[in-house]
């Protein structure tokens, strides 16, 4: 995940709701934030309050649905996930069959720096 900061979402904001379940493809929607508590952000959906975790953005009762600050944030996260999966599936081949020592060293330094931050 990209580390979305849900603490910036406030009452009255319009957020984007999408599911990572393929059965719900094309059913994304926007919702208006009606309340922000310490644990949950609530939106109005057809007169019904739906709660999302303020920490993860996942729907309280149906975790395949997630809230994003905007449609652009959703698209960016999906693109990042696709790139992450592509790298995951092809990194071994790339390192064995195409990367130079310098490219491998750059990748090593990048990963090491990120790991050392934790």
Protein backbone atom coordinates (compact mmCIF):
# COMPACT_ATOMS: atom_id res chain seq x y z
CA UNK A 1 0.00 0.00 0.00
CA UNK A 2 1.01 3.55 -0.54
CA UNK A 3 0.45 4.66 3.02
CA UNK A 4 -2.65 6.80 2.51
CA UNK A 5 -3.14 9.29 5.34
CA UNK A 6 -6.79 8.96 6.29
CA UNK A 7 -6.34 11.54 9.06
CA UNK A 8 -6.59 14.25 6.39
CA UNK A 9 -10.13 13.22 5.47
CA UNK A 10 -12.78 15.43 7.06
CA UNK A 11 -16.55 15.68 7.27
CA UNK A 12 -18.02 16.84 3.96
CA UNK A 13 -15.23 15.40 1.78
CA UNK A 14 -16.13 13.24 -1.20
CA UNK A 15 -14.20 9.95 -1.15
CA UNK A 16 -13.90 7.12 -3.66
CA UNK A 17 -14.93 3.57 -2.73
CA UNK A 18 -13.68 0.52 -4.65
CA UNK A 19 -13.36 -3.22 -4.15
CA UNK A 20 -10.41 -5.48 -4.87
CA UNK A 21 -12.83 -8.36 -5.49
CA UNK A 22 -13.26 -8.94 -9.23
CA UNK A 23 -16.93 -9.80 -8.67
CA UNK A 24 -17.45 -6.14 -7.76
CA UNK A 25 -15.61 -4.73 -10.78
CA UNK A 26 -17.27 -1.62 -12.16
CA UNK A 27 -19.24 -0.98 -8.97
CA UNK A 28 -16.96 1.75 -7.61
CA UNK A 29 -18.71 4.82 -6.27
CA UNK A 30 -18.19 8.14 -4.53
CA UNK A 31 -19.49 8.86 -1.06
CA UNK A 32 -19.78 11.91 1.14
CA UNK A 33 -18.08 11.76 4.55
CA UNK A 34 -20.71 12.34 7.23
CA UNK A 35 -18.54 11.82 10.31
CA UNK A 36 -14.97 11.23 11.36
CA UNK A 37 -14.29 9.51 14.67
CA UNK A 38 -11.16 8.23 16.35
CA UNK A 39 -11.44 4.77 14.72
CA UNK A 40 -13.84 5.11 11.79
CA UNK A 41 -14.77 7.40 8.95
CA UNK A 42 -18.45 7.15 8.01
CA UNK A 43 -19.94 7.89 4.62
CA UNK A 44 -23.52 8.11 3.48
CA UNK A 45 -24.65 5.51 0.93
CA UNK A 46 -28.34 5.68 0.03
CA UNK A 47 -29.21 7.00 3.50
CA UNK A 48 -27.16 4.33 5.25
CA UNK A 49 -24.00 5.02 7.23
CA UNK A 50 -21.04 2.88 6.14
CA UNK A 51 -17.91 2.83 8.28
CA UNK A 52 -14.31 2.58 7.10
CA UNK A 53 -11.23 2.09 9.26
CA UNK A 54 -9.36 5.33 9.80
CA UNK A 55 -6.13 3.30 9.92
CA UNK A 56 -6.48 1.09 6.80
CA UNK A 57 -9.36 2.57 4.81
CA UNK A 58 -11.09 -0.83 4.71
CA UNK A 59 -14.83 -1.11 5.21
CA UNK A 60 -15.66 -2.23 8.75
CA UNK A 61 -18.07 -5.02 7.80
CA UNK A 62 -16.89 -5.97 4.30
CA UNK A 63 -13.12 -5.66 3.97
CA UNK A 64 -13.00 -6.20 0.20
CA UNK A 65 -14.21 -2.59 -0.08
CA UNK A 66 -11.79 0.25 0.58
CA UNK A 67 -12.03 4.02 0.78
CA UNK A 68 -9.62 6.30 -1.10
CA UNK A 69 -9.35 10.08 -0.76
CA UNK A 70 -10.03 10.38 -4.50
CA UNK A 71 -10.38 8.37 -7.70
CA UNK A 72 -6.86 9.46 -8.62
CA UNK A 73 -5.52 7.92 -5.39
CA UNK A 74 -7.31 4.67 -6.25
CA UNK A 75 -5.85 4.63 -9.77
CA UNK A 76 -2.35 5.37 -8.45
CA UNK A 77 -2.58 2.52 -5.93
CA UNK A 78 -3.80 0.08 -8.59
CA UNK A 79 -0.96 1.08 -10.95
CA UNK A 80 1.55 0.68 -8.11
CA UNK A 81 0.17 -2.78 -7.29
CA UNK A 82 0.44 -3.84 -10.94
CA UNK A 83 4.06 -2.62 -11.12
CA UNK A 84 4.88 -4.33 -7.82
CA UNK A 85 3.49 -7.63 -9.10
CA UNK A 86 5.34 -7.29 -12.40
CA UNK A 87 8.62 -6.71 -10.56
CA UNK A 88 7.92 -9.59 -8.17
CA UNK A 89 7.32 -12.02 -11.05
CA UNK A 90 10.21 -10.91 -13.27
CA UNK A 91 13.00 -9.70 -10.99
CA UNK A 92 14.93 -12.98 -10.95
CA UNK A 93 15.00 -13.19 -14.75
CA UNK A 94 16.00 -9.52 -15.06
CA UNK A 95 18.88 -9.88 -12.61
CA UNK A 96 20.19 -13.11 -14.16
CA UNK A 97 19.76 -12.26 -17.81
CA UNK A 98 19.85 -8.54 -18.38
CA UNK A 99 20.99 -6.32 -15.55
CA UNK A 100 24.49 -4.99 -15.35
CA UNK A 101 26.53 -5.02 -12.15
CA UNK A 102 25.85 -1.29 -11.71
CA UNK A 103 22.07 -1.77 -12.11
CA UNK A 104 22.08 -4.63 -9.59
CA UNK A 105 24.15 -2.49 -7.22
CA UNK A 106 21.67 0.41 -7.57
CA UNK A 107 18.76 -1.93 -6.85
CA UNK A 108 20.62 -3.41 -3.89
CA UNK A 109 21.29 0.04 -2.43
CA UNK A 110 17.66 1.09 -2.90
CA UNK A 111 16.30 -2.01 -1.17
CA UNK A 112 18.91 -1.84 1.59
CA UNK A 113 18.15 1.84 2.30
CA UNK A 114 14.42 1.14 2.55
CA UNK A 115 14.96 -1.90 4.79
CA UNK A 116 17.39 0.01 7.04
CA UNK A 117 14.77 2.74 7.63
CA UNK A 118 12.50 0.27 9.46
